[in-house]
């Protein structure tokens, strides 16, 4: 629902959709905004093709934490607190019962860790949909937020600062390309690689980080929160911005050093791609750099903070990096500066 074109689906007077973190969000303020005291928020997502890497290596245990953490982070970006999590597990019949049990038990444990009530996991075997040995793991999380605590990004303005919180790795995005790159390396999934300090599977299957504790520490002191998932730094930040604002992210200094520490697998990805005579750092037709559109590049969450709150937020989040700023623009856009002048 990034375009929020739900008014074409619901009958008048039969339903209401609030979607403020989206392109042209200002067009979709709900009619009852003034009367309402609190809102329910729902988010749905999945682990994507990371599941293929997990199944091929026999290491599926981290996938439930991936899913729960991803969904929790998405919900918290609106200011909401989760009150329930439900899951769907679609599988080919060739997937073992032990794998299904590991995933179900993992979902329960991950929800307990995040203090989110687990509402169940529906398992469906569909050989007419799924390829042999494949699964689809999807979660739906529900929460609520008082109106005065809703995070919309509407107060963002030029001069505000972008703070990045580190990721644990690729999280749950970019795995279709990552799997291609791993195949180019001709390394086995269980093969130890010195440059990444572990096996390919161990490193690339590190679970998605939960930012619940971090967001709770700075609640009320940030203007917007972007969870860096599919679409990378570009799409997830752009949808937060009011018209007239551009987010400018500086990735490296004049000496070519990254301005934040990246997990080792990103340097591994860069090296393998370069060995293929390719590059992830060229501009595409939209003027975006693929490396920042597909991967989080070591930044899993971005906070927009006013200069006045910068020091206070920084004290509460010891592990953070100042990665950019908001400047004036005609529309809304994100610019990643990779080649410093």
C-alpha atoms as a PDB file:
ATOM      1  CA  UNK A   1       0.000   0.000   0.000  1.00  0.00           C
ATOM      2  CA  UNK A   2       2.717   2.577  -0.689  1.00  0.00           C
ATOM      3  CA  UNK A   3       0.383   4.554  -2.959  1.00  0.00           C
ATOM      4  CA  UNK A   4      -2.504   4.388  -0.464  1.00  0.00           C
ATOM      5  CA  UNK A   5      -5.086   4.238  -3.258  1.00  0.00           C
ATOM      6  CA  UNK A   6      -7.580   2.536  -0.945  1.00  0.00           C
ATOM      7  CA  UNK A   7     -10.350   5.057  -1.522  1.00  0.00           C
ATOM      8  CA  UNK A   8     -10.981   3.330  -4.871  1.00  0.00           C
ATOM      9  CA  UNK A   9     -11.702   0.050  -3.067  1.00  0.00           C
ATOM     10  CA  UNK A  10     -13.796   0.905  -0.025  1.00  0.00           C
ATOM     11  CA  UNK A  11     -17.416   1.963  -0.402  1.00  0.00           C
ATOM     12  CA  UNK A  12     -18.237   5.374   0.979  1.00  0.00           C
ATOM     13  CA  UNK A  13     -19.078   5.123   4.665  1.00  0.00           C
ATOM     14  CA  UNK A  14     -18.016   1.461   4.843  1.00  0.00           C
ATOM     15  CA  UNK A  15     -14.377   1.769   5.817  1.00  0.00           C
ATOM     16  CA  UNK A  16     -11.564   4.140   6.505  1.00  0.00           C
ATOM     17  CA  UNK A  17      -7.865   3.769   5.795  1.00  0.00           C
ATOM     18  CA  UNK A  18      -5.245   5.925   7.475  1.00  0.00           C
ATOM     19  CA  UNK A  19      -1.917   5.834   5.668  1.00  0.00           C
ATOM     20  CA  UNK A  20       0.235   8.820   6.491  1.00  0.00           C
ATOM     21  CA  UNK A  21       3.669   7.388   5.763  1.00  0.00           C
ATOM     22  CA  UNK A  22       3.342   7.249   1.998  1.00  0.00           C
ATOM     23  CA  UNK A  23       3.862   9.229  -1.143  1.00  0.00           C
ATOM     24  CA  UNK A  24       1.450  12.181  -1.235  1.00  0.00           C
ATOM     25  CA  UNK A  25       0.361  11.307   2.295  1.00  0.00           C
ATOM     26  CA  UNK A  26      -1.105  14.764   2.811  1.00  0.00           C
ATOM     27  CA  UNK A  27      -3.950  13.812   0.439  1.00  0.00           C
ATOM     28  CA  UNK A  28      -5.138  10.977   2.658  1.00  0.00           C
ATOM     29  CA  UNK A  29      -5.871  12.438   6.067  1.00  0.00           C
ATOM     30  CA  UNK A  30      -8.854  10.523   7.479  1.00  0.00           C
ATOM     31  CA  UNK A  31     -12.175  12.348   7.938  1.00  0.00           C
ATOM     32  CA  UNK A  32     -12.331  11.513  11.647  1.00  0.00           C
ATOM     33  CA  UNK A  33      -8.822  12.689  12.530  1.00  0.00           C
ATOM     34  CA  UNK A  34     -10.116  15.484  14.752  1.00  0.00           C
ATOM     35  CA  UNK A  35     -12.566  13.258  16.636  1.00  0.00           C
ATOM     36  CA  UNK A  36     -10.338  10.222  17.147  1.00  0.00           C
ATOM     37  CA  UNK A  37      -8.296   9.698  20.312  1.00  0.00           C
ATOM     38  CA  UNK A  38      -6.234   6.712  19.179  1.00  0.00           C
ATOM     39  CA  UNK A  39      -5.632   4.596  16.099  1.00  0.00           C
ATOM     40  CA  UNK A  40      -4.976   0.962  15.302  1.00  0.00           C
ATOM     41  CA  UNK A  41      -2.029   0.223  13.029  1.00  0.00           C
ATOM     42  CA  UNK A  42      -1.470  -2.950  11.005  1.00  0.00           C
ATOM     43  CA  UNK A  43       1.669  -4.001   9.115  1.00  0.00           C
ATOM     44  CA  UNK A  44       2.292  -7.081   6.968  1.00  0.00           C
ATOM     45  CA  UNK A  45       5.644  -8.314   5.662  1.00  0.00           C
ATOM     46  CA  UNK A  46       7.719 -11.420   5.047  1.00  0.00           C
ATOM     47  CA  UNK A  47      11.278 -12.726   5.114  1.00  0.00           C
ATOM     48  CA  UNK A  48      11.423 -12.929   1.311  1.00  0.00           C
ATOM     49  CA  UNK A  49      14.102 -14.983  -0.419  1.00  0.00           C
ATOM     50  CA  UNK A  50      16.310 -15.049   2.659  1.00  0.00           C
ATOM     51  CA  UNK A  51      14.352 -18.219   3.399  1.00  0.00           C
ATOM     52  CA  UNK A  52      15.950 -19.929   0.372  1.00  0.00           C
ATOM     53  CA  UNK A  53      19.445 -19.334   1.753  1.00  0.00           C
ATOM     54  CA  UNK A  54      18.307 -20.621   5.158  1.00  0.00           C
ATOM     55  CA  UNK A  55      16.744 -23.778   3.736  1.00  0.00           C
ATOM     56  CA  UNK A  56      19.692 -24.546   1.448  1.00  0.00           C
ATOM     57  CA  UNK A  57      22.121 -24.275   4.371  1.00  0.00           C
ATOM     58  CA  UNK A  58      19.862 -26.105   6.833  1.00  0.00           C
ATOM     59  CA  UNK A  59      19.888 -23.090   9.192  1.00  0.00           C
ATOM     60  CA  UNK A  60      16.291 -21.886   9.473  1.00  0.00           C
ATOM     61  CA  UNK A  61      16.327 -21.096  13.181  1.00  0.00           C
ATOM     62  CA  UNK A  62      16.860 -17.343  12.781  1.00  0.00           C
ATOM     63  CA  UNK A  63      14.017 -16.764  10.294  1.00  0.00           C
ATOM     64  CA  UNK A  64      11.293 -16.340  12.965  1.00  0.00           C
ATOM     65  CA  UNK A  65      13.320 -13.635  14.694  1.00  0.00           C
ATOM     66  CA  UNK A  66      13.868 -12.004  11.290  1.00  0.00           C
ATOM     67  CA  UNK A  67      10.134 -11.839  10.707  1.00  0.00           C
ATOM     68  CA  UNK A  68       9.065 -10.667  14.149  1.00  0.00           C
ATOM     69  CA  UNK A  69      11.779  -8.011  14.396  1.00  0.00           C
ATOM     70  CA  UNK A  70      11.023  -6.708  10.903  1.00  0.00           C
ATOM     71  CA  UNK A  71       7.323  -6.358  11.684  1.00  0.00           C
ATOM     72  CA  UNK A  72       7.938  -4.803  15.113  1.00  0.00           C
ATOM     73  CA  UNK A  73      10.257  -2.189  13.591  1.00  0.00           C
ATOM     74  CA  UNK A  74       7.743  -1.299  10.871  1.00  0.00           C
ATOM     75  CA  UNK A  75       5.000  -0.763  13.432  1.00  0.00           C
ATOM     76  CA  UNK A  76       7.140   1.316  15.782  1.00  0.00           C
ATOM     77  CA  UNK A  77       7.915   3.765  12.955  1.00  0.00           C
ATOM     78  CA  UNK A  78       4.356   5.091  13.314  1.00  0.00           C
ATOM     79  CA  UNK A  79       4.620   5.522  17.094  1.00  0.00           C
ATOM     80  CA  UNK A  80       2.401   2.492  17.737  1.00  0.00           C
ATOM     81  CA  UNK A  81       2.946  -0.191  20.384  1.00  0.00           C
ATOM     82  CA  UNK A  82       2.291  -3.791  19.219  1.00  0.00           C
ATOM     83  CA  UNK A  83      -0.488  -5.823  20.822  1.00  0.00           C
ATOM     84  CA  UNK A  84      -0.588  -8.918  18.618  1.00  0.00           C
ATOM     85  CA  UNK A  85       1.329 -10.904  15.995  1.00  0.00           C
ATOM     86  CA  UNK A  86      -0.025 -13.517  13.584  1.00  0.00           C
ATOM     87  CA  UNK A  87       1.872 -15.533  10.964  1.00  0.00           C
ATOM     88  CA  UNK A  88       1.304 -17.491   7.768  1.00  0.00           C
ATOM     89  CA  UNK A  89       3.660 -20.267   6.711  1.00  0.00           C
ATOM     90  CA  UNK A  90       3.153 -21.589   3.208  1.00  0.00           C
ATOM     91  CA  UNK A  91       5.235 -24.646   2.363  1.00  0.00           C
ATOM     92  CA  UNK A  92       5.819 -27.247  -0.322  1.00  0.00           C
ATOM     93  CA  UNK A  93       5.045 -30.747   0.981  1.00  0.00           C
ATOM     94  CA  UNK A  94       8.718 -31.673   0.641  1.00  0.00           C
ATOM     95  CA  UNK A  95       9.591 -29.354   3.534  1.00  0.00           C
ATOM     96  CA  UNK A  96      10.151 -31.489   6.631  1.00  0.00           C
ATOM     97  CA  UNK A  97       7.890 -31.418   9.674  1.00  0.00           C
ATOM     98  CA  UNK A  98      10.939 -30.697  11.832  1.00  0.00           C
ATOM     99  CA  UNK A  99      11.612 -27.503   9.833  1.00  0.00           C
ATOM    100  CA  UNK A 100       7.987 -26.421  10.265  1.00  0.00           C
ATOM    101  CA  UNK A 101       8.231 -27.085  14.010  1.00  0.00           C
ATOM    102  CA  UNK A 102      11.462 -25.083  14.318  1.00  0.00           C
ATOM    103  CA  UNK A 103       9.798 -22.122  12.598  1.00  0.00           C
ATOM    104  CA  UNK A 104       6.627 -22.288  14.698  1.00  0.00           C
ATOM    105  CA  UNK A 105       8.498 -22.596  17.988  1.00  0.00           C
ATOM    106  CA  UNK A 106      10.858 -19.818  16.894  1.00  0.00           C
ATOM    107  CA  UNK A 107       7.941 -17.455  16.250  1.00  0.00           C
ATOM    108  CA  UNK A 108       6.611 -18.059  19.750  1.00  0.00           C
ATOM    109  CA  UNK A 109      10.027 -17.414  21.303  1.00  0.00           C
ATOM    110  CA  UNK A 110      10.649 -14.272  19.222  1.00  0.00           C
ATOM    111  CA  UNK A 111       7.286 -12.807  20.221  1.00  0.00           C
ATOM    112  CA  UNK A 112       7.991 -13.536  23.878  1.00  0.00           C
ATOM    113  CA  UNK A 113      11.357 -11.765  23.578  1.00  0.00           C
ATOM    114  CA  UNK A 114       9.659  -8.704  22.059  1.00  0.00           C
ATOM    115  CA  UNK A 115       6.765  -8.771  24.565  1.00  0.00           C
ATOM    116  CA  UNK A 116       4.235  -9.160  21.746  1.00  0.00           C
ATOM    117  CA  UNK A 117       1.314 -11.590  22.221  1.00  0.00           C
ATOM    118  CA  UNK A 118       1.548 -14.453  19.703  1.00  0.00           C
ATOM    119  CA  UNK A 119      -1.821 -15.058  18.017  1.00  0.00           C
ATOM    120  CA  UNK A 120      -0.873 -18.137  16.021  1.00  0.00           C
ATOM    121  CA  UNK A 121       0.724 -19.438  12.828  1.00  0.00           C
ATOM    122  CA  UNK A 122      -1.391 -20.878  10.031  1.00  0.00           C
ATOM    123  CA  UNK A 123       0.484 -23.532   8.044  1.00  0.00           C
ATOM    124  CA  UNK A 124      -0.607 -24.358   4.498  1.00  0.00           C
ATOM    125  CA  UNK A 125       0.943 -26.969   2.206  1.00  0.00           C
ATOM    126  CA  UNK A 126       0.457 -25.969  -1.428  1.00  0.00           C
ATOM    127  CA  UNK A 127       2.452 -27.854  -4.043  1.00  0.00           C
ATOM    128  CA  UNK A 128       0.545 -25.974  -6.744  1.00  0.00           C
ATOM    129  CA  UNK A 129       2.048 -22.676  -5.529  1.00  0.00           C
ATOM    130  CA  UNK A 130       5.444 -23.363  -3.967  1.00  0.00           C
ATOM    131  CA  UNK A 131       8.486 -24.899  -5.596  1.00  0.00           C
ATOM    132  CA  UNK A 132       9.961 -28.045  -4.011  1.00  0.00           C
ATOM    133  CA  UNK A 133      11.812 -27.270  -0.808  1.00  0.00           C
ATOM    134  CA  UNK A 134      10.497 -23.695  -0.638  1.00  0.00           C
ATOM    135  CA  UNK A 135       8.511 -21.771   1.964  1.00  0.00           C
ATOM    136  CA  UNK A 136       6.873 -18.381   2.329  1.00  0.00           C
ATOM    137  CA  UNK A 137       6.926 -16.932   5.852  1.00  0.00           C
ATOM    138  CA  UNK A 138       4.699 -13.888   6.371  1.00  0.00           C
ATOM    139  CA  UNK A 139       3.742 -11.985   9.512  1.00  0.00           C
ATOM    140  CA  UNK A 140       1.023  -9.505  10.414  1.00  0.00           C
ATOM    141  CA  UNK A 141       1.466  -7.273  13.429  1.00  0.00           C
ATOM    142  CA  UNK A 142      -1.184  -5.076  15.039  1.00  0.00           C
ATOM    143  CA  UNK A 143      -0.736  -2.162  17.401  1.00  0.00           C
ATOM    144  CA  UNK A 144      -2.254   1.065  18.583  1.00  0.00           C
ATOM    145  CA  UNK A 145      -1.124   4.620  19.139  1.00  0.00           C
ATOM    146  CA  UNK A 146      -2.729   7.621  20.864  1.00  0.00           C
ATOM    147  CA  UNK A 147      -3.274  10.473  18.431  1.00  0.00           C
ATOM    148  CA  UNK A 148      -0.821  12.726  20.238  1.00  0.00           C
ATOM    149  CA  UNK A 149       1.942  10.113  19.805  1.00  0.00           C
ATOM    150  CA  UNK A 150       1.467   9.443  16.074  1.00  0.00           C
ATOM    151  CA  UNK A 151       4.740   9.915  14.173  1.00  0.00           C
ATOM    152  CA  UNK A 152       4.006  11.423  10.750  1.00  0.00           C
ATOM    153  CA  UNK A 153       7.128  13.323   9.709  1.00  0.00           C
ATOM    154  CA  UNK A 154       4.965  16.358   8.931  1.00  0.00           C
ATOM    155  CA  UNK A 155       7.179  18.652  11.037  1.00  0.00           C
ATOM    156  CA  UNK A 156      10.379  17.779   9.142  1.00  0.00           C
ATOM    157  CA  UNK A 157      12.079  20.890   7.772  1.00  0.00           C
ATOM    158  CA  UNK A 158      15.422  21.994   6.290  1.00  0.00           C
ATOM    159  CA  UNK A 159      18.141  21.962   8.942  1.00  0.00           C
ATOM    160  CA  UNK A 160      16.990  18.734  10.593  1.00  0.00           C
ATOM    161  CA  UNK A 161      19.567  15.979  11.052  1.00  0.00           C
ATOM    162  CA  UNK A 162      19.572  12.322   9.950  1.00  0.00           C
ATOM    163  CA  UNK A 163      20.818   9.810  12.519  1.00  0.00           C
ATOM    164  CA  UNK A 164      21.530   6.223  11.483  1.00  0.00           C
ATOM    165  CA  UNK A 165      21.423   3.209  13.784  1.00  0.00           C
ATOM    166  CA  UNK A 166      23.617   0.259  12.734  1.00  0.00           C
ATOM    167  CA  UNK A 167      22.201  -2.897  11.195  1.00  0.00           C
ATOM    168  CA  UNK A 168      23.302  -6.412  12.075  1.00  0.00           C
ATOM    169  CA  UNK A 169      23.820  -7.162   8.389  1.00  0.00           C
ATOM    170  CA  UNK A 170      21.527  -7.380   5.358  1.00  0.00           C
ATOM    171  CA  UNK A 171      18.505  -7.890   7.647  1.00  0.00           C
ATOM    172  CA  UNK A 172      15.714  -9.181   5.357  1.00  0.00           C
ATOM    173  CA  UNK A 173      16.284  -7.249   2.131  1.00  0.00           C
ATOM    174  CA  UNK A 174      18.415  -7.687  -0.967  1.00  0.00           C
ATOM    175  CA  UNK A 175      18.684 -11.473  -0.826  1.00  0.00           C
ATOM    176  CA  UNK A 176      17.774 -12.162  -4.450  1.00  0.00           C
ATOM    177  CA  UNK A 177      20.884 -10.216  -5.474  1.00  0.00           C
ATOM    178  CA  UNK A 178      22.927 -11.439  -2.494  1.00  0.00           C
ATOM    179  CA  UNK A 179      22.296 -15.069  -3.470  1.00  0.00           C
ATOM    180  CA  UNK A 180      23.525 -14.344  -7.001  1.00  0.00           C
ATOM    181  CA  UNK A 181      26.664 -12.731  -5.588  1.00  0.00           C
ATOM    182  CA  UNK A 182      27.310 -15.714  -3.302  1.00  0.00           C
ATOM    183  CA  UNK A 183      27.022 -18.021  -6.314  1.00  0.00           C
ATOM    184  CA  UNK A 184      29.518 -15.851  -8.224  1.00  0.00           C
ATOM    185  CA  UNK A 185      32.008 -16.334  -5.369  1.00  0.00           C
ATOM    186  CA  UNK A 186      31.848 -20.133  -5.867  1.00  0.00           C
ATOM    187  CA  UNK A 187      32.045 -20.550  -2.092  1.00  0.00           C
ATOM    188  CA  UNK A 188      29.964 -23.118  -0.234  1.00  0.00           C
ATOM    189  CA  UNK A 189      27.324 -21.874   2.190  1.00  0.00           C
ATOM    190  CA  UNK A 190      29.006 -23.717   5.072  1.00  0.00           C
ATOM    191  CA  UNK A 191      32.512 -22.669   4.043  1.00  0.00           C
ATOM    192  CA  UNK A 192      34.363 -20.407   6.482  1.00  0.00           C
ATOM    193  CA  UNK A 193      35.548 -17.130   4.971  1.00  0.00           C
ATOM    194  CA  UNK A 194      38.238 -15.249   6.896  1.00  0.00           C
ATOM    195  CA  UNK A 195      37.233 -11.786   5.636  1.00  0.00           C
ATOM    196  CA  UNK A 196      33.746 -12.091   7.124  1.00  0.00           C
ATOM    197  CA  UNK A 197      34.792 -14.073  10.237  1.00  0.00           C
ATOM    198  CA  UNK A 198      32.426 -16.987   9.735  1.00  0.00           C
ATOM    199  CA  UNK A 199      30.726 -19.209   7.223  1.00  0.00           C
ATOM    200  CA  UNK A 200      28.724 -17.669   4.382  1.00  0.00           C
ATOM    201  CA  UNK A 201      25.502 -19.019   5.902  1.00  0.00           C
ATOM    202  CA  UNK A 202      26.234 -17.845   9.450  1.00  0.00           C
ATOM    203  CA  UNK A 203      27.055 -14.317   8.357  1.00  0.00           C
ATOM    204  CA  UNK A 204      24.359 -13.811   5.731  1.00  0.00           C
ATOM    205  CA  UNK A 205      21.692 -15.339   7.985  1.00  0.00           C
ATOM    206  CA  UNK A 206      22.337 -13.113  10.992  1.00  0.00           C
ATOM    207  CA  UNK A 207      18.872 -12.115  12.224  1.00  0.00           C
ATOM    208  CA  UNK A 208      17.248  -8.781  11.548  1.00  0.00           C
ATOM    209  CA  UNK A 209      17.862  -6.440  14.469  1.00  0.00           C
ATOM    210  CA  UNK A 210      14.962  -5.187  16.607  1.00  0.00           C
ATOM    211  CA  UNK A 211      15.033  -1.454  17.341  1.00  0.00           C
ATOM    212  CA  UNK A 212      12.189  -1.504  19.853  1.00  0.00           C
ATOM    213  CA  UNK A 213      14.342  -0.576  22.844  1.00  0.00           C
ATOM    214  CA  UNK A 214      16.119   2.179  20.919  1.00  0.00           C
ATOM    215  CA  UNK A 215      12.890   3.746  19.635  1.00  0.00           C
ATOM    216  CA  UNK A 216      11.292   3.650  23.074  1.00  0.00           C
ATOM    217  CA  UNK A 217      14.246   5.585  24.515  1.00  0.00           C
ATOM    218  CA  UNK A 218      13.735   8.535  22.153  1.00  0.00           C
ATOM    219  CA  UNK A 219       9.965   8.437  21.761  1.00  0.00           C
ATOM    220  CA  UNK A 220       8.645  11.980  21.512  1.00  0.00           C
ATOM    221  CA  UNK A 221      12.077  13.405  20.650  1.00  0.00           C
ATOM    222  CA  UNK A 222      12.310  12.413  16.965  1.00  0.00           C
ATOM    223  CA  UNK A 223      10.311  13.778  14.038  1.00  0.00           C
ATOM    224  CA  UNK A 224      10.243  10.596  11.959  1.00  0.00           C
ATOM    225  CA  UNK A 225      11.590   7.048  11.847  1.00  0.00           C
ATOM    226  CA  UNK A 226      12.515   5.132   8.680  1.00  0.00           C
ATOM    227  CA  UNK A 227      13.041   1.373   8.804  1.00  0.00           C
ATOM    228  CA  UNK A 228      15.551   0.597   6.032  1.00  0.00           C
ATOM    229  CA  UNK A 229      14.144  -2.450   4.271  1.00  0.00           C
ATOM    230  CA  UNK A 230      13.177  -3.030   0.619  1.00  0.00           C
ATOM    231  CA  UNK A 231      13.965   0.109  -1.369  1.00  0.00           C
ATOM    232  CA  UNK A 232      16.992   0.822   0.793  1.00  0.00           C
ATOM    233  CA  UNK A 233      17.868   4.284   2.029  1.00  0.00           C
ATOM    234  CA  UNK A 234      16.064   5.913  -0.879  1.00  0.00           C
ATOM    235  CA  UNK A 235      12.449   4.734  -0.726  1.00  0.00           C
ATOM    236  CA  UNK A 236      12.134   4.321   3.032  1.00  0.00           C
ATOM    237  CA  UNK A 237      13.285   7.855   3.790  1.00  0.00           C
ATOM    238  CA  UNK A 238      11.603   9.561   0.849  1.00  0.00           C
ATOM    239  CA  UNK A 239       8.094   8.512   1.870  1.00  0.00           C
ATOM    240  CA  UNK A 240       8.537  10.301   5.212  1.00  0.00           C
ATOM    241  CA  UNK A 241       9.393  13.698   3.745  1.00  0.00           C
ATOM    242  CA  UNK A 242       7.017  16.616   3.359  1.00  0.00           C
ATOM    243  CA  UNK A 243       7.020  18.385   0.007  1.00  0.00           C
ATOM    244  CA  UNK A 244       9.924  20.855  -0.118  1.00  0.00           C
ATOM    245  CA  UNK A 245      12.425  18.633   1.699  1.00  0.00           C
ATOM    246  CA  UNK A 246      15.392  16.613   0.475  1.00  0.00           C
ATOM    247  CA  UNK A 247      17.360  14.161   2.624  1.00  0.00           C
ATOM    248  CA  UNK A 248      21.076  14.297   1.776  1.00  0.00           C
ATOM    249  CA  UNK A 249      23.125  11.343   3.029  1.00  0.00           C
ATOM    250  CA  UNK A 250      26.926  11.423   2.980  1.00  0.00           C
ATOM    251  CA  UNK A 251      28.384   7.936   2.905  1.00  0.00           C
ATOM    252  CA  UNK A 252      32.161   8.505   2.755  1.00  0.00           C
ATOM    253  CA  UNK A 253      34.701  11.183   3.658  1.00  0.00           C
ATOM    254  CA  UNK A 254      37.250  12.773   1.320  1.00  0.00           C
ATOM    255  CA  UNK A 255      39.693   9.937   1.993  1.00  0.00           C
ATOM    256  CA  UNK A 256      37.134   7.405   0.801  1.00  0.00           C
ATOM    257  CA  UNK A 257      36.476   5.994   4.275  1.00  0.00           C
ATOM    258  CA  UNK A 258      32.917   5.117   5.194  1.00  0.00           C
ATOM    259  CA  UNK A 259      31.373   7.443   7.779  1.00  0.00           C
ATOM    260  CA  UNK A 260      29.840   4.527   9.638  1.00  0.00           C
ATOM    261  CA  UNK A 261      31.100   0.968  10.199  1.00  0.00           C
ATOM    262  CA  UNK A 262      29.597  -1.577   7.806  1.00  0.00           C
ATOM    263  CA  UNK A 263      29.284  -5.282   8.636  1.00  0.00           C
ATOM    264  CA  UNK A 264      31.992  -7.244   6.798  1.00  0.00           C
ATOM    265  CA  UNK A 265      29.589  -8.896   4.352  1.00  0.00           C
ATOM    266  CA  UNK A 266      29.040  -5.588   2.542  1.00  0.00           C
ATOM    267  CA  UNK A 267      32.751  -5.329   1.692  1.00  0.00           C
ATOM    268  CA  UNK A 268      32.598  -8.990   0.638  1.00  0.00           C
ATOM    269  CA  UNK A 269      29.685  -8.176  -1.684  1.00  0.00           C
ATOM    270  CA  UNK A 270      31.559  -5.203  -3.169  1.00  0.00           C
ATOM    271  CA  UNK A 271      34.649  -7.324  -3.847  1.00  0.00           C
ATOM    272  CA  UNK A 272      32.793 -10.179  -5.537  1.00  0.00           C
ATOM    273  CA  UNK A 273      30.809  -7.797  -7.726  1.00  0.00           C
ATOM    274  CA  UNK A 274      33.999  -5.970  -8.760  1.00  0.00           C
ATOM    275  CA  UNK A 275      35.648  -9.283  -9.625  1.00  0.00           C
ATOM    276  CA  UNK A 276      32.772  -9.848 -12.041  1.00  0.00           C
ATOM    277  CA  UNK A 277      33.600  -6.566 -13.763  1.00  0.00           C
ATOM    278  CA  UNK A 278      30.390  -5.023 -12.434  1.00  0.00           C
ATOM    279  CA  UNK A 279      29.576  -2.214 -10.012  1.00  0.00           C
ATOM    280  CA  UNK A 280      26.743  -1.508  -7.573  1.00  0.00           C
ATOM    281  CA  UNK A 281      27.783   2.137  -7.322  1.00  0.00           C
ATOM    282  CA  UNK A 282      26.661   3.461 -10.693  1.00  0.00           C
ATOM    283  CA  UNK A 283      23.630   5.701 -11.098  1.00  0.00           C
ATOM    284  CA  UNK A 284      20.479   4.133 -12.535  1.00  0.00           C
ATOM    285  CA  UNK A 285      17.933   5.877 -14.774  1.00  0.00           C
ATOM    286  CA  UNK A 286      16.375   7.559 -11.715  1.00  0.00           C
ATOM    287  CA  UNK A 287      19.745   8.868 -10.527  1.00  0.00           C
ATOM    288  CA  UNK A 288      19.947   6.371  -7.675  1.00  0.00           C
ATOM    289  CA  UNK A 289      22.883   4.176  -6.695  1.00  0.00           C
ATOM    290  CA  UNK A 290      21.962   0.484  -6.679  1.00  0.00           C
ATOM    291  CA  UNK A 291      24.059  -0.364  -3.620  1.00  0.00           C
ATOM    292  CA  UNK A 292      21.907   1.970  -1.500  1.00  0.00           C
ATOM    293  CA  UNK A 293      18.637   1.027  -3.188  1.00  0.00           C
ATOM    294  CA  UNK A 294      19.004  -2.747  -2.678  1.00  0.00           C
ATOM    295  CA  UNK A 295      20.982  -2.976   0.583  1.00  0.00           C
ATOM    296  CA  UNK A 296      20.883  -1.079   3.884  1.00  0.00           C
ATOM    297  CA  UNK A 297      24.699  -0.694   3.746  1.00  0.00           C
ATOM    298  CA  UNK A 298      24.976  -1.078   7.518  1.00  0.00           C
ATOM    299  CA  UNK A 299      22.220   1.380   8.496  1.00  0.00           C
ATOM    300  CA  UNK A 300      19.050  -0.360   9.669  1.00  0.00           C
ATOM    301  CA  UNK A 301      17.073   2.573  11.023  1.00  0.00           C
ATOM    302  CA  UNK A 302      17.147   6.316  10.305  1.00  0.00           C
ATOM    303  CA  UNK A 303      15.825   8.972  12.683  1.00  0.00           C
ATOM    304  CA  UNK A 304      15.022  12.541  11.699  1.00  0.00           C
ATOM    305  CA  UNK A 305      15.900  14.840  14.602  1.00  0.00           C
ATOM    306  CA  UNK A 306      15.823  18.596  15.105  1.00  0.00           C
ATOM    307  CA  UNK A 307      19.202  20.235  15.860  1.00  0.00           C
ATOM    308  CA  UNK A 308      17.860  21.162  19.307  1.00  0.00           C
ATOM    309  CA  UNK A 309      17.205  17.496  20.196  1.00  0.00           C
ATOM    310  CA  UNK A 310      20.337  16.083  18.575  1.00  0.00           C
ATOM    311  CA  UNK A 311      22.505  15.979  21.696  1.00  0.00           C
ATOM    312  CA  UNK A 312      19.708  14.601  23.878  1.00  0.00           C
ATOM    313  CA  UNK A 313      18.913  11.814  21.411  1.00  0.00           C
ATOM    314  CA  UNK A 314      22.606  11.043  20.993  1.00  0.00           C
ATOM    315  CA  UNK A 315      23.070  10.575  24.743  1.00  0.00           C
ATOM    316  CA  UNK A 316      20.223   8.051  24.831  1.00  0.00           C
ATOM    317  CA  UNK A 317      21.553   6.141  21.806  1.00  0.00           C
ATOM    318  CA  UNK A 318      25.294   5.589  22.310  1.00  0.00           C
ATOM    319  CA  UNK A 319      25.565   3.549  19.091  1.00  0.00           C
ATOM    320  CA  UNK A 320      24.483   6.000  16.398  1.00  0.00           C
ATOM    321  CA  UNK A 321      25.944   7.882  13.444  1.00  0.00           C
ATOM    322  CA  UNK A 322      25.188  11.280  11.994  1.00  0.00           C
ATOM    323  CA  UNK A 323      24.683  10.392   8.339  1.00  0.00           C
ATOM    324  CA  UNK A 324      23.060  13.434   6.741  1.00  0.00           C
ATOM    325  CA  UNK A 325      20.697  16.377   6.853  1.00  0.00           C
ATOM    326  CA  UNK A 326      17.476  17.790   5.449  1.00  0.00           C
ATOM    327  CA  UNK A 327      17.799  20.591   2.883  1.00  0.00           C
ATOM    328  CA  UNK A 328      15.299  22.633   0.923  1.00  0.00           C
ATOM    329  CA  UNK A 329      13.951  21.166  -2.335  1.00  0.00           C
ATOM    330  CA  UNK A 330      11.075  21.600  -4.769  1.00  0.00           C
ATOM    331  CA  UNK A 331       9.513  18.198  -4.153  1.00  0.00           C
ATOM    332  CA  UNK A 332      10.627  15.355  -1.889  1.00  0.00           C
ATOM    333  CA  UNK A 333      13.699  13.281  -2.605  1.00  0.00           C
ATOM    334  CA  UNK A 334      16.745  11.492  -1.193  1.00  0.00           C
ATOM    335  CA  UNK A 335      20.292  12.050  -2.413  1.00  0.00           C
ATOM    336  CA  UNK A 336      23.122   9.700  -1.416  1.00  0.00           C
ATOM    337  CA  UNK A 337      26.567  11.272  -1.850  1.00  0.00           C
ATOM    338  CA  UNK A 338      28.959   8.377  -2.389  1.00  0.00           C
ATOM    339  CA  UNK A 339      31.778  10.113  -4.251  1.00  0.00           C
ATOM    340  CA  UNK A 340      32.883  13.025  -2.003  1.00  0.00           C
ATOM    341  CA  UNK A 341      34.018  16.168  -3.778  1.00  0.00           C
END
